[in-house]
Protein backbone atom coordinates (compact mmCIF):
# COMPACT_ATOMS: atom_id res chain seq x y z
CA MET A 1 84.71 -41.98 -124.07
CA ALA A 2 84.51 -44.95 -126.37
CA ARG A 3 85.92 -44.47 -129.83
CA PHE A 4 83.88 -45.44 -132.86
CA ARG A 5 85.76 -47.76 -135.15
CA GLU A 6 84.74 -47.51 -138.77
CA GLY A 7 84.35 -50.77 -140.58
CA SER A 8 83.32 -52.70 -137.48
CA GLY A 9 79.84 -53.40 -138.85
CA THR A 10 77.94 -51.22 -136.39
CA GLY A 11 76.09 -49.39 -139.15
CA ALA A 12 75.07 -52.65 -140.80
CA VAL A 13 73.76 -54.04 -137.52
CA VAL A 14 71.72 -50.88 -136.86
CA ALA A 15 70.33 -50.97 -140.42
CA ILE A 16 69.35 -54.62 -140.17
CA ALA A 17 67.73 -54.05 -136.78
CA SER A 18 65.78 -51.07 -138.13
CA VAL A 19 64.52 -52.96 -141.17
CA GLY A 20 63.53 -55.88 -138.96
CA ALA A 21 61.70 -53.60 -136.53
CA PHE A 22 59.75 -51.88 -139.30
CA ALA A 23 58.86 -55.21 -140.92
CA LEU A 24 57.67 -56.52 -137.57
CA LEU A 25 55.61 -53.36 -137.04
CA ALA A 26 53.91 -53.79 -140.42
CA TRP A 27 53.01 -57.42 -139.65
CA MET A 28 51.79 -56.37 -136.21
CA PHE A 29 49.51 -53.74 -137.78
CA ALA A 30 48.12 -56.28 -140.23
CA PHE A 31 47.55 -58.96 -137.58
CA LEU A 32 45.94 -56.58 -135.08
CA PHE A 33 43.64 -55.10 -137.75
CA TRP A 34 42.61 -58.60 -138.83
CA LEU A 35 42.01 -59.67 -135.23
CA ALA A 36 40.02 -56.54 -134.32
CA PHE A 37 37.85 -56.66 -137.44
CA SER A 38 37.23 -60.39 -136.99
CA ILE A 39 36.05 -59.83 -133.43
CA TYR A 40 33.94 -56.88 -134.59
CA ALA A 41 32.38 -59.01 -137.35
CA ILE A 42 31.49 -61.76 -134.87
CA VAL A 43 29.94 -59.23 -132.49
CA GLU A 44 27.93 -57.69 -135.34
CA LEU A 45 26.84 -61.15 -136.50
CA ILE A 46 25.49 -61.89 -133.03
CA GLY A 47 24.00 -58.41 -132.67
CA ASP A 48 21.88 -56.45 -135.11
CA GLY A 49 24.10 -57.15 -138.13
CA ARG A 50 24.42 -53.54 -139.28
CA PRO A 51 28.08 -52.41 -139.37
CA SER A 52 28.88 -48.93 -138.11
CA ALA A 53 31.41 -46.71 -139.87
CA ILE A 54 32.07 -44.93 -136.59
CA ALA A 55 32.94 -48.19 -134.83
CA VAL A 56 35.30 -49.24 -137.62
CA SER A 57 36.96 -45.81 -137.56
CA LEU A 58 37.39 -46.00 -133.79
CA ILE A 59 38.95 -49.45 -134.08
CA VAL A 60 41.52 -48.17 -136.59
CA ILE A 61 42.23 -44.99 -134.60
CA GLY A 62 42.56 -46.94 -131.35
CA LEU A 63 44.96 -49.50 -132.82
CA VAL A 64 47.17 -46.89 -134.47
CA ALA A 65 47.20 -44.69 -131.36
CA GLY A 66 47.98 -47.66 -129.12
CA LEU A 67 50.90 -48.80 -131.24
CA VAL A 68 52.26 -45.24 -131.46
CA VAL A 69 52.14 -44.93 -127.66
CA LEU A 70 53.86 -48.32 -127.26
CA ALA A 71 56.57 -47.26 -129.72
CA TYR A 72 57.05 -43.98 -127.86
CA VAL A 73 57.38 -45.76 -124.52
CA GLY A 74 59.88 -48.21 -125.99
CA ILE A 75 61.99 -45.42 -127.50
CA TRP A 76 61.81 -43.49 -124.22
CA LEU A 77 63.00 -46.50 -122.23
CA VAL A 78 65.90 -47.15 -124.60
CA GLY A 79 66.86 -43.47 -124.56
CA LYS A 80 66.64 -43.39 -120.79
CA SER A 81 68.94 -46.39 -120.47
CA LEU A 82 71.47 -44.90 -122.91
CA THR A 83 71.63 -41.48 -121.26
CA PRO A 84 74.35 -41.25 -118.64
CA ALA A 85 73.33 -40.26 -115.13
CA LYS A 86 73.96 -36.66 -114.14
CA ARG A 87 76.58 -36.13 -111.51
CA ALA A 88 76.37 -33.58 -108.76
CA ARG A 89 78.83 -30.72 -109.09
CA GLY A 90 81.09 -30.31 -106.23
């Protein structure tokens, strides 16, 4: 088993990676909301021109749910790669 050496900077690297990931997630939320609402506005401009609160709510719910699922899949893949394979007893 590998020994953890204190003072090697591992904690700092994990902290920086976490802050970077959360900052990237916030910018991704903002960009995807802007993109989705811009497309929705263009569609409404071409169509009847009356915005729907239900459509806007579904856009927000869909984007948040999609990003949560993507985050879950990413965490699952990382966890799967870090978990050692089980060995057969014998």
